[in-house]
Amino acid sequence: ARLLAERLGVDPASVETNMVVLDGVNAPVLAEAAKAQGVLVSQVS
């Protein structure tokens, strides 16, 4: 999770366990585009 955060420009220090949050994104568009490339993510807002 910390590695993923670092790769995505999220502060790894903000990741305490196994969850990474991407804020300020167009969640529906990003989720569909990622799914089309084989990566499934969760939209929480």
PDB file of all heavy atoms in Angstrom:
ATOM      1  N   ALA A   1       0.835  -1.208   0.000  1.00  0.00           N
ATOM      2  CA  ALA A   1       0.000   0.000   0.000  1.00  0.00           C
ATOM      3  C   ALA A   1       0.867   1.253   0.000  1.00  0.00           C
ATOM      4  O   ALA A   1       0.584   2.214  -0.726  1.00  0.00           O
ATOM      5  CB  ALA A   1      -0.930  -0.015   1.207  1.00  0.00           C
ATOM      6  N   ARG A   2       1.937   1.241   0.780  1.00  0.00           N
ATOM      7  CA  ARG A   2       2.828   2.408   0.801  1.00  0.00           C
ATOM      8  C   ARG A   2       3.543   2.583  -0.532  1.00  0.00           C
ATOM      9  O   ARG A   2       3.732   3.707  -1.011  1.00  0.00           O
ATOM     10  CB  ARG A   2       3.832   2.278   1.954  1.00  0.00           C
ATOM     11  CG  ARG A   2       3.195   2.482   3.328  1.00  0.00           C
ATOM     12  CD  ARG A   2       4.242   2.571   4.422  1.00  0.00           C
ATOM     13  NE  ARG A   2       4.921   1.299   4.641  1.00  0.00           N
ATOM     14  CZ  ARG A   2       4.493   0.370   5.499  1.00  0.00           C
ATOM     15  NH1 ARG A   2       3.393   0.566   6.206  1.00  0.00           N
ATOM     16  NH2 ARG A   2       5.167  -0.748   5.647  1.00  0.00           N
ATOM     17  N   LEU A   3       3.932   1.478  -1.144  1.00  0.00           N
ATOM     18  CA  LEU A   3       4.562   1.541  -2.459  1.00  0.00           C
ATOM     19  C   LEU A   3       3.597   2.120  -3.486  1.00  0.00           C
ATOM     20  O   LEU A   3       3.966   2.990  -4.294  1.00  0.00           O
ATOM     21  CB  LEU A   3       5.011   0.146  -2.888  1.00  0.00           C
ATOM     22  CG  LEU A   3       5.557   0.016  -4.312  1.00  0.00           C
ATOM     23  CD1 LEU A   3       6.822   0.845  -4.488  1.00  0.00           C
ATOM     24  CD2 LEU A   3       5.815  -1.458  -4.651  1.00  0.00           C
ATOM     25  N   LEU A   4       2.363   1.653  -3.465  1.00  0.00           N
ATOM     26  CA  LEU A   4       1.355   2.143  -4.392  1.00  0.00           C
ATOM     27  C   LEU A   4       1.123   3.643  -4.184  1.00  0.00           C
ATOM     28  O   LEU A   4       1.028   4.405  -5.148  1.00  0.00           O
ATOM     29  CB  LEU A   4       0.052   1.364  -4.190  1.00  0.00           C
ATOM     30  CG  LEU A   4      -1.107   1.663  -5.139  1.00  0.00           C
ATOM     31  CD1 LEU A   4      -0.718   1.388  -6.579  1.00  0.00           C
ATOM     32  CD2 LEU A   4      -2.333   0.833  -4.748  1.00  0.00           C
ATOM     33  N   ALA A   5       1.051   4.046  -2.918  1.00  0.00           N
ATOM     34  CA  ALA A   5       0.870   5.471  -2.616  1.00  0.00           C
ATOM     35  C   ALA A   5       2.015   6.293  -3.191  1.00  0.00           C
ATOM     36  O   ALA A   5       1.791   7.336  -3.833  1.00  0.00           O
ATOM     37  CB  ALA A   5       0.776   5.672  -1.106  1.00  0.00           C
ATOM     38  N   GLU A   6       3.226   5.831  -2.976  1.00  0.00           N
ATOM     39  CA  GLU A   6       4.397   6.558  -3.478  1.00  0.00           C
ATOM     40  C   GLU A   6       4.349   6.693  -4.987  1.00  0.00           C
ATOM     41  O   GLU A   6       4.624   7.769  -5.541  1.00  0.00           O
ATOM     42  CB  GLU A   6       5.662   5.837  -3.042  1.00  0.00           C
ATOM     43  CG  GLU A   6       6.950   6.539  -3.434  1.00  0.00           C
ATOM     44  CD  GLU A   6       8.176   5.800  -2.952  1.00  0.00           C
ATOM     45  OE1 GLU A   6       8.030   4.740  -2.315  1.00  0.00           O
ATOM     46  OE2 GLU A   6       9.292   6.285  -3.223  1.00  0.00           O
ATOM     47  N   ARG A   7       3.994   5.622  -5.685  1.00  0.00           N
ATOM     48  CA  ARG A   7       3.930   5.648  -7.147  1.00  0.00           C
ATOM     49  C   ARG A   7       2.863   6.629  -7.642  1.00  0.00           C
ATOM     50  O   ARG A   7       2.999   7.202  -8.727  1.00  0.00           O
ATOM     51  CB  ARG A   7       3.624   4.249  -7.687  1.00  0.00           C
ATOM     52  CG  ARG A   7       4.702   3.207  -7.434  1.00  0.00           C
ATOM     53  CD  ARG A   7       5.865   3.380  -8.387  1.00  0.00           C
ATOM     54  NE  ARG A   7       6.689   2.185  -8.397  1.00  0.00           N
ATOM     55  CZ  ARG A   7       7.700   1.933  -7.561  1.00  0.00           C
ATOM     56  NH1 ARG A   7       8.007   2.824  -6.617  1.00  0.00           N
ATOM     57  NH2 ARG A   7       8.385   0.811  -7.644  1.00  0.00           N
ATOM     58  N   LEU A   8       1.811   6.811  -6.842  1.00  0.00           N
ATOM     59  CA  LEU A   8       0.683   7.640  -7.270  1.00  0.00           C
ATOM     60  C   LEU A   8       0.751   9.055  -6.719  1.00  0.00           C
ATOM     61  O   LEU A   8      -0.196   9.829  -6.879  1.00  0.00           O
ATOM     62  CB  LEU A   8      -0.632   6.979  -6.851  1.00  0.00           C
ATOM     63  CG  LEU A   8      -0.908   5.606  -7.470  1.00  0.00           C
ATOM     64  CD1 LEU A   8      -2.194   5.019  -6.927  1.00  0.00           C
ATOM     65  CD2 LEU A   8      -0.953   5.678  -8.989  1.00  0.00           C
ATOM     66  N   GLY A   9       1.831   9.399  -6.074  1.00  0.00           N
ATOM     67  CA  GLY A   9       1.995  10.744  -5.562  1.00  0.00           C
ATOM     68  C   GLY A   9       1.247  11.029  -4.278  1.00  0.00           C
ATOM     69  O   GLY A   9       1.007  12.187  -3.925  1.00  0.00           O
ATOM     70  N   VAL A  10       0.869   9.972  -3.566  1.00  0.00           N
ATOM     71  CA  VAL A  10       0.226  10.113  -2.264  1.00  0.00           C
ATOM     72  C   VAL A  10       1.292   9.934  -1.193  1.00  0.00           C
ATOM     73  O   VAL A  10       2.156   9.060  -1.307  1.00  0.00           O
ATOM     74  CB  VAL A  10      -0.897   9.062  -2.084  1.00  0.00           C
ATOM     75  CG1 VAL A  10      -1.495   9.142  -0.676  1.00  0.00           C
ATOM     76  CG2 VAL A  10      -1.978   9.230  -3.134  1.00  0.00           C
ATOM     77  N   ASP A  11       1.250  10.736  -0.163  1.00  0.00           N
ATOM     78  CA  ASP A  11       2.231  10.659   0.904  1.00  0.00           C
ATOM     79  C   ASP A  11       2.181   9.273   1.555  1.00  0.00           C
ATOM     80  O   ASP A  11       1.165   8.918   2.171  1.00  0.00           O
ATOM     81  CB  ASP A  11       1.960  11.732   1.958  1.00  0.00           C
ATOM     82  CG  ASP A  11       2.986  11.729   3.089  1.00  0.00           C
ATOM     83  OD1 ASP A  11       3.963  10.946   3.027  1.00  0.00           O
ATOM     84  OD2 ASP A  11       2.801  12.518   4.040  1.00  0.00           O
ATOM     85  N   PRO A  12       3.240   8.470   1.446  1.00  0.00           N
ATOM     86  CA  PRO A  12       3.222   7.130   2.047  1.00  0.00           C
ATOM     87  C   PRO A  12       3.011   7.164   3.550  1.00  0.00           C
ATOM     88  O   PRO A  12       2.480   6.208   4.131  1.00  0.00           O
ATOM     89  CB  PRO A  12       4.597   6.559   1.688  1.00  0.00           C
ATOM     90  CG  PRO A  12       5.059   7.357   0.520  1.00  0.00           C
ATOM     91  CD  PRO A  12       4.489   8.722   0.717  1.00  0.00           C
ATOM     92  N   ALA A  13       3.403   8.255   4.195  1.00  0.00           N
ATOM     93  CA  ALA A  13       3.223   8.364   5.645  1.00  0.00           C
ATOM     94  C   ALA A  13       1.753   8.414   6.036  1.00  0.00           C
ATOM     95  O   ALA A  13       1.400   8.158   7.196  1.00  0.00           O
ATOM     96  CB  ALA A  13       3.944   9.600   6.167  1.00  0.00           C
ATOM     97  N   SER A  14       0.884   8.750   5.071  1.00  0.00           N
ATOM     98  CA  SER A  14      -0.554   8.806   5.356  1.00  0.00           C
ATOM     99  C   SER A  14      -1.202   7.428   5.289  1.00  0.00           C
ATOM    100  O   SER A  14      -2.380   7.286   5.614  1.00  0.00           O
ATOM    101  CB  SER A  14      -1.249   9.742   4.366  1.00  0.00           C
ATOM    102  OG  SER A  14      -1.261   9.179   3.049  1.00  0.00           O
ATOM    103  N   VAL A  15      -0.440   6.432   4.851  1.00  0.00           N
ATOM    104  CA  VAL A  15      -0.956   5.066   4.699  1.00  0.00           C
ATOM    105  C   VAL A  15      -0.531   4.251   5.913  1.00  0.00           C
ATOM    106  O   VAL A  15       0.641   3.893   6.046  1.00  0.00           O
ATOM    107  CB  VAL A  15      -0.445   4.430   3.400  1.00  0.00           C
ATOM    108  CG1 VAL A  15      -0.947   2.998   3.275  1.00  0.00           C
ATOM    109  CG2 VAL A  15      -0.875   5.264   2.199  1.00  0.00           C
ATOM    110  N   GLU A  16      -1.466   3.961   6.784  1.00  0.00           N
ATOM    111  CA  GLU A  16      -1.130   3.244   8.013  1.00  0.00           C
ATOM    112  C   GLU A  16      -1.219   1.733   7.851  1.00  0.00           C
ATOM    113  O   GLU A  16      -0.473   0.997   8.501  1.00  0.00           O
ATOM    114  CB  GLU A  16      -2.046   3.703   9.151  1.00  0.00           C
ATOM    115  CG  GLU A  16      -1.864   5.164   9.528  1.00  0.00           C
ATOM    116  CD  GLU A  16      -2.680   5.542  10.754  1.00  0.00           C
ATOM    117  OE1 GLU A  16      -2.909   4.670  11.620  1.00  0.00           O
ATOM    118  OE2 GLU A  16      -3.084   6.708  10.838  1.00  0.00           O
ATOM    119  N   THR A  17      -2.140   1.263   7.004  1.00  0.00           N
ATOM    120  CA  THR A  17      -2.297  -0.187   6.852  1.00  0.00           C
ATOM    121  C   THR A  17      -2.382  -0.544   5.367  1.00  0.00           C
ATOM    122  O   THR A  17      -1.416  -0.358   4.651  1.00  0.00           O
ATOM    123  CB  THR A  17      -3.512  -0.693   7.655  1.00  0.00           C
ATOM    124  OG1 THR A  17      -4.692   0.045   7.272  1.00  0.00           O
ATOM    125  CG2 THR A  17      -3.278  -0.541   9.147  1.00  0.00           C
ATOM    126  N   ASN A  18      -3.518  -1.027   4.915  1.00  0.00           N
ATOM    127  CA  ASN A  18      -3.601  -1.566   3.551  1.00  0.00           C
ATOM    128  C   ASN A  18      -4.526  -0.774   2.635  1.00  0.00           C
ATOM    129  O   ASN A  18      -5.025  -1.309   1.640  1.00  0.00           O
ATOM    130  CB  ASN A  18      -4.065  -3.034   3.594  1.00  0.00           C
ATOM    131  CG  ASN A  18      -5.483  -3.195   4.131  1.00  0.00           C
ATOM    132  OD1 ASN A  18      -5.923  -2.431   4.994  1.00  0.00           O
ATOM    133  ND2 ASN A  18      -6.189  -4.197   3.645  1.00  0.00           N
ATOM    134  N   MET A  19      -4.765   0.510   2.954  1.00  0.00           N
ATOM    135  CA  MET A  19      -5.665   1.320   2.133  1.00  0.00           C
ATOM    136  C   MET A  19      -4.991   2.605   1.676  1.00  0.00           C
ATOM    137  O   MET A  19      -4.309   3.269   2.460  1.00  0.00           O
ATOM    138  CB  MET A  19      -6.944   1.673   2.904  1.00  0.00           C
ATOM    139  CG  MET A  19      -7.765   0.460   3.284  1.00  0.00           C
ATOM    140  SD  MET A  19      -9.355   0.945   4.029  1.00  0.00           S
ATOM    141  CE  MET A  19      -9.945  -0.672   4.550  1.00  0.00           C
ATOM    142  N   VAL A  20      -5.210   2.929   0.386  1.00  0.00           N
ATOM    143  CA  VAL A  20      -4.697   4.157  -0.214  1.00  0.00           C
ATOM    144  C   VAL A  20      -5.892   4.926  -0.765  1.00  0.00           C
ATOM    145  O   VAL A  20      -6.787   4.333  -1.383  1.00  0.00           O
ATOM    146  CB  VAL A  20      -3.698   3.865  -1.346  1.00  0.00           C
ATOM    147  CG1 VAL A  20      -3.185   5.159  -1.979  1.00  0.00           C
ATOM    148  CG2 VAL A  20      -2.539   3.018  -0.829  1.00  0.00           C
ATOM    149  N   VAL A  21      -5.904   6.242  -0.560  1.00  0.00           N
ATOM    150  CA  VAL A  21      -7.013   7.073  -1.022  1.00  0.00           C
ATOM    151  C   VAL A  21      -6.523   8.069  -2.056  1.00  0.00           C
ATOM    152  O   VAL A  21      -5.495   8.730  -1.864  1.00  0.00           O
ATOM    153  CB  VAL A  21      -7.654   7.836   0.156  1.00  0.00           C
ATOM    154  CG1 VAL A  21      -8.841   8.666  -0.340  1.00  0.00           C
ATOM    155  CG2 VAL A  21      -8.097   6.866   1.232  1.00  0.00           C
ATOM    156  N   LEU A  22      -7.271   8.156  -3.153  1.00  0.00           N
ATOM    157  CA  LEU A  22      -7.026   9.190  -4.153  1.00  0.00           C
ATOM    158  C   LEU A  22      -8.143  10.216  -4.044  1.00  0.00           C
ATOM    159  O   LEU A  22      -9.315   9.909  -4.308  1.00  0.00           O
ATOM    160  CB  LEU A  22      -7.009   8.583  -5.557  1.00  0.00           C
ATOM    161  CG  LEU A  22      -5.956   7.506  -5.825  1.00  0.00           C
ATOM    162  CD1 LEU A  22      -6.103   6.970  -7.244  1.00  0.00           C
ATOM    163  CD2 LEU A  22      -4.562   8.046  -5.594  1.00  0.00           C
ATOM    164  N   ASP A  23      -7.796  11.429  -3.629  1.00  0.00           N
ATOM    165  CA  ASP A  23      -8.777  12.500  -3.458  1.00  0.00           C
ATOM    166  C   ASP A  23      -8.737  13.468  -4.634  1.00  0.00           C
ATOM    167  O   ASP A  23      -7.724  13.588  -5.328  1.00  0.00           O
ATOM    168  CB  ASP A  23      -8.496  13.266  -2.164  1.00  0.00           C
ATOM    169  CG  ASP A  23      -9.137  12.614  -0.960  1.00  0.00           C
ATOM    170  OD1 ASP A  23     -10.305  12.184  -1.064  1.00  0.00           O
ATOM    171  OD2 ASP A  23      -8.468  12.525   0.090  1.00  0.00           O
ATOM    172  N   GLY A  24      -9.859  14.157  -4.848  1.00  0.00           N
ATOM    173  CA  GLY A  24      -9.912  15.187  -5.869  1.00  0.00           C
ATOM    174  C   GLY A  24      -9.853  14.662  -7.285  1.00  0.00           C
ATOM    175  O   GLY A  24      -9.331  15.333  -8.180  1.00  0.00           O
ATOM    176  N   VAL A  25     -10.390  13.466  -7.515  1.00  0.00           N
ATOM    177  CA  VAL A  25     -10.392  12.876  -8.847  1.00  0.00           C
ATOM    178  C   VAL A  25     -11.829  12.733  -9.340  1.00  0.00           C
ATOM    179  O   VAL A  25     -12.779  12.802  -8.563  1.00  0.00           O
ATOM    180  CB  VAL A  25      -9.708  11.491  -8.843  1.00  0.00           C
ATOM    181  CG1 VAL A  25      -8.259  11.616  -8.412  1.00  0.00           C
ATOM    182  CG2 VAL A  25     -10.446  10.505  -7.945  1.00  0.00           C
ATOM    183  N   ASN A  26     -11.979  12.539 -10.642  1.00  0.00           N
ATOM    184  CA  ASN A  26     -13.294  12.214 -11.194  1.00  0.00           C
ATOM    185  C   ASN A  26     -13.458  10.703 -11.050  1.00  0.00           C
ATOM    186  O   ASN A  26     -13.078   9.921 -11.920  1.00  0.00           O
ATOM    187  CB  ASN A  26     -13.369  12.635 -12.664  1.00  0.00           C
ATOM    188  CG  ASN A  26     -14.771  12.487 -13.223  1.00  0.00           C
ATOM    189  OD1 ASN A  26     -15.537  11.628 -12.797  1.00  0.00           O
ATOM    190  ND2 ASN A  26     -15.115  13.321 -14.189  1.00  0.00           N
ATOM    191  N   ALA A  27     -14.008  10.304  -9.901  1.00  0.00           N
ATOM    192  CA  ALA A  27     -13.994   8.886  -9.536  1.00  0.00           C
ATOM    193  C   ALA A  27     -14.692   7.976 -10.550  1.00  0.00           C
ATOM    194  O   ALA A  27     -14.137   6.937 -10.931  1.00  0.00           O
ATOM    195  CB  ALA A  27     -14.580   8.708  -8.146  1.00  0.00           C
ATOM    196  N   PRO A  28     -15.900   8.311 -11.037  1.00  0.00           N
ATOM    197  CA  PRO A  28     -16.549   7.411 -11.991  1.00  0.00           C
ATOM    198  C   PRO A  28     -15.735   7.226 -13.272  1.00  0.00           C
ATOM    199  O   PRO A  28     -15.612   6.112 -13.784  1.00  0.00           O
ATOM    200  CB  PRO A  28     -17.886   8.093 -12.268  1.00  0.00           C
ATOM    201  CG  PRO A  28     -18.128   8.957 -11.078  1.00  0.00           C
ATOM    202  CD  PRO A  28     -16.787   9.426 -10.656  1.00  0.00           C
ATOM    203  N   VAL A  29     -15.180   8.319 -13.789  1.00  0.00           N
ATOM    204  CA  VAL A  29     -14.404   8.234 -15.028  1.00  0.00           C
ATOM    205  C   VAL A  29     -13.127   7.442 -14.803  1.00  0.00           C
ATOM    206  O   VAL A  29     -12.759   6.566 -15.605  1.00  0.00           O
ATOM    207  CB  VAL A  29     -14.082   9.651 -15.550  1.00  0.00           C
ATOM    208  CG1 VAL A  29     -13.083   9.585 -16.708  1.00  0.00           C
ATOM    209  CG2 VAL A  29     -15.360  10.356 -15.992  1.00  0.00           C
ATOM    210  N   LEU A  30     -12.430   7.726 -13.707  1.00  0.00           N
ATOM    211  CA  LEU A  30     -11.183   7.025 -13.418  1.00  0.00           C
ATOM    212  C   LEU A  30     -11.427   5.535 -13.199  1.00  0.00           C
ATOM    213  O   LEU A  30     -10.670   4.690 -13.713  1.00  0.00           O
ATOM    214  CB  LEU A  30     -10.516   7.637 -12.182  1.00  0.00           C
ATOM    215  CG  LEU A  30      -9.191   7.010 -11.751  1.00  0.00           C
ATOM    216  CD1 LEU A  30      -8.144   7.123 -12.852  1.00  0.00           C
ATOM    217  CD2 LEU A  30      -8.677   7.665 -10.467  1.00  0.00           C
ATOM    218  N   ALA A  31     -12.484   5.204 -12.474  1.00  0.00           N
ATOM    219  CA  ALA A  31     -12.768   3.798 -12.199  1.00  0.00           C
ATOM    220  C   ALA A  31     -13.075   3.025 -13.474  1.00  0.00           C
ATOM    221  O   ALA A  31     -12.598   1.897 -13.662  1.00  0.00           O
ATOM    222  CB  ALA A  31     -13.922   3.684 -11.215  1.00  0.00           C
ATOM    223  N   GLU A  32     -13.858   3.613 -14.365  1.00  0.00           N
ATOM    224  CA  GLU A  32     -14.202   2.928 -15.619  1.00  0.00           C
ATOM    225  C   GLU A  32     -12.979   2.783 -16.524  1.00  0.00           C
ATOM    226  O   GLU A  32     -12.778   1.736 -17.151  1.00  0.00           O
ATOM    227  CB  GLU A  32     -15.322   3.681 -16.332  1.00  0.00           C
ATOM    228  CG  GLU A  32     -16.691   3.455 -15.736  1.00  0.00           C
ATOM    229  CD  GLU A  32     -17.081   1.982 -15.722  1.00  0.00           C
ATOM    230  OE1 GLU A  32     -16.935   1.311 -16.774  1.00  0.00           O
ATOM    231  OE2 GLU A  32     -17.498   1.503 -14.665  1.00  0.00           O
ATOM    232  N   ALA A  33     -12.171   3.818 -16.574  1.00  0.00           N
ATOM    233  CA  ALA A  33     -10.979   3.756 -17.416  1.00  0.00           C
ATOM    234  C   ALA A  33      -9.988   2.730 -16.881  1.00  0.00           C
ATOM    235  O   ALA A  33      -9.358   1.986 -17.651  1.00  0.00           O
ATOM    236  CB  ALA A  33     -10.322   5.138 -17.487  1.00  0.00           C
ATOM    237  N   ALA A  34      -9.843   2.663 -15.570  1.00  0.00           N
ATOM    238  CA  ALA A  34      -8.944   1.676 -14.973  1.00  0.00           C
ATOM    239  C   ALA A  34      -9.474   0.256 -15.204  1.00  0.00           C
ATOM    240  O   ALA A  34      -8.702  -0.664 -15.516  1.00  0.00           O
ATOM    241  CB  ALA A  34      -8.790   1.949 -13.483  1.00  0.00           C
ATOM    242  N   LYS A  35     -10.772   0.087 -15.076  1.00  0.00           N
ATOM    243  CA  LYS A  35     -11.377  -1.224 -15.299  1.00  0.00           C
ATOM    244  C   LYS A  35     -11.130  -1.710 -16.719  1.00  0.00           C
ATOM    245  O   LYS A  35     -10.862  -2.901 -16.954  1.00  0.00           O
ATOM    246  CB  LYS A  35     -12.875  -1.157 -15.010  1.00  0.00           C
ATOM    247  CG  LYS A  35     -13.601  -2.475 -15.171  1.00  0.00           C
ATOM    248  CD  LYS A  35     -15.080  -2.325 -14.835  1.00  0.00           C
ATOM    249  CE  LYS A  35     -15.829  -3.642 -15.001  1.00  0.00           C
ATOM    250  NZ  LYS A  35     -17.279  -3.491 -14.675  1.00  0.00           N
ATOM    251  N   ALA A  36     -11.197  -0.798 -17.658  1.00  0.00           N
ATOM    252  CA  ALA A  36     -10.961  -1.161 -19.063  1.00  0.00           C
ATOM    253  C   ALA A  36      -9.551  -1.676 -19.280  1.00  0.00           C
ATOM    254  O   ALA A  36      -9.297  -2.420 -20.237  1.00  0.00           O
ATOM    255  CB  ALA A  36     -11.227   0.050 -19.957  1.00  0.00           C
ATOM    256  N   GLN A  37      -8.640  -1.294 -18.375  1.00  0.00           N
ATOM    257  CA  GLN A  37      -7.258  -1.771 -18.477  1.00  0.00           C
ATOM    258  C   GLN A  37      -6.944  -2.847 -17.438  1.00  0.00           C
ATOM    259  O   GLN A  37      -5.787  -3.160 -17.182  1.00  0.00           O
ATOM    260  CB  GLN A  37      -6.295  -0.589 -18.328  1.00  0.00           C
ATOM    261  CG  GLN A  37      -6.418   0.440 -19.448  1.00  0.00           C
ATOM    262  CD  GLN A  37      -5.286   1.435 -19.444  1.00  0.00           C
ATOM    263  OE1 GLN A  37      -4.108   1.075 -19.384  1.00  0.00           O
ATOM    264  NE2 GLN A  37      -5.621   2.721 -19.517  1.00  0.00           N
ATOM    265  N   GLY A  38      -7.988  -3.390 -16.833  1.00  0.00           N
ATOM    266  CA  GLY A  38      -7.795  -4.537 -15.956  1.00  0.00           C
ATOM    267  C   GLY A  38      -7.475  -4.208 -14.517  1.00  0.00           C
ATOM    268  O   GLY A  38      -7.017  -5.091 -13.772  1.00  0.00           O
ATOM    269  N   VAL A  39      -7.728  -2.985 -14.078  1.00  0.00           N
ATOM    270  CA  VAL A  39      -7.482  -2.605 -12.692  1.00  0.00           C
ATOM    271  C   VAL A  39      -8.811  -2.176 -12.070  1.00  0.00           C
ATOM    272  O   VAL A  39      -9.435  -1.220 -12.545  1.00  0.00           O
ATOM    273  CB  VAL A  39      -6.449  -1.473 -12.579  1.00  0.00           C
ATOM    274  CG1 VAL A  39      -6.276  -1.039 -11.122  1.00  0.00           C
ATOM    275  CG2 VAL A  39      -5.111  -1.916 -13.156  1.00  0.00           C
ATOM    276  N   LEU A  40      -9.238  -2.879 -11.048  1.00  0.00           N
ATOM    277  CA  LEU A  40     -10.507  -2.582 -10.392  1.00  0.00           C
ATOM    278  C   LEU A  40     -10.265  -1.775  -9.127  1.00  0.00           C
ATOM    279  O   LEU A  40      -9.425  -2.137  -8.303  1.00  0.00           O
ATOM    280  CB  LEU A  40     -11.236  -3.884 -10.047  1.00  0.00           C
ATOM    281  CG  LEU A  40     -11.500  -4.842 -11.205  1.00  0.00           C
ATOM    282  CD1 LEU A  40     -12.274  -6.057 -10.722  1.00  0.00           C
ATOM    283  CD2 LEU A  40     -12.233  -4.151 -12.343  1.00  0.00           C
ATOM    284  N   VAL A  41     -10.993  -0.678  -8.969  1.00  0.00           N
ATOM    285  CA  VAL A  41     -10.858   0.198  -7.807  1.00  0.00           C
ATOM    286  C   VAL A  41     -12.252   0.492  -7.262  1.00  0.00           C
ATOM    287  O   VAL A  41     -13.257   0.225  -7.914  1.00  0.00           O
ATOM    288  CB  VAL A  41     -10.135   1.514  -8.169  1.00  0.00           C
ATOM    289  CG1 VAL A  41      -8.739   1.230  -8.694  1.00  0.00           C
ATOM    290  CG2 VAL A  41     -10.951   2.327  -9.180  1.00  0.00           C
ATOM    291  N   SER A  42     -12.307   1.060  -6.073  1.00  0.00           N
ATOM    292  CA  SER A  42     -13.578   1.329  -5.415  1.00  0.00           C
ATOM    293  C   SER A  42     -13.855   2.828  -5.382  1.00  0.00           C
ATOM    294  O   SER A  42     -13.014   3.610  -4.942  1.00  0.00           O
ATOM    295  CB  SER A  42     -13.558   0.778  -3.983  1.00  0.00           C
ATOM    296  OG  SER A  42     -14.774   1.041  -3.329  1.00  0.00           O
ATOM    297  N   GLN A  43     -15.040   3.215  -5.849  1.00  0.00           N
ATOM    298  CA  GLN A  43     -15.473   4.610  -5.747  1.00  0.00           C
ATOM    299  C   GLN A  43     -16.183   4.798  -4.410  1.00  0.00           C
ATOM    300  O   GLN A  43     -17.189   4.155  -4.159  1.00  0.00           O
ATOM    301  CB  GLN A  43     -16.452   4.954  -6.860  1.00  0.00           C
ATOM    302  CG  GLN A  43     -15.954   4.730  -8.265  1.00  0.00           C
ATOM    303  CD  GLN A  43     -17.053   5.006  -9.276  1.00  0.00           C
ATOM    304  OE1 GLN A  43     -17.648   6.081  -9.294  1.00  0.00           O
ATOM    305  NE2 GLN A  43     -17.341   4.029 -10.117  1.00  0.00           N
ATOM    306  N   VAL A  44     -15.661   5.669  -3.570  1.00  0.00           N
ATOM    307  CA  VAL A  44     -16.314   5.909  -2.282  1.00  0.00           C
ATOM    308  C   VAL A  44     -17.030   7.256  -2.246  1.00  0.00           C
ATOM    309  O   VAL A  44     -17.754   7.548  -1.299  1.00  0.00           O
ATOM    310  CB  VAL A  44     -15.315   5.787  -1.114  1.00  0.00           C
ATOM    311  CG1 VAL A  44     -14.842   4.355  -0.973  1.00  0.00           C
ATOM    312  CG2 VAL A  44     -14.125   6.715  -1.300  1.00  0.00           C
ATOM    313  N   SER A  45     -16.809   8.084  -3.266  1.00  0.00           N
ATOM    314  CA  SER A  45     -17.551   9.325  -3.445  1.00  0.00           C
ATOM    315  C   SER A  45     -17.309   9.765  -4.887  1.00  0.00           C
ATOM    316  O   SER A  45     -16.463   9.183  -5.586  1.00  0.00           O
ATOM    317  CB  SER A  45     -17.076  10.407  -2.463  1.00  0.00           C
ATOM    318  OG  SER A  45     -15.916  11.062  -2.939  1.00  0.00           O
TER     319      SER A  45
END
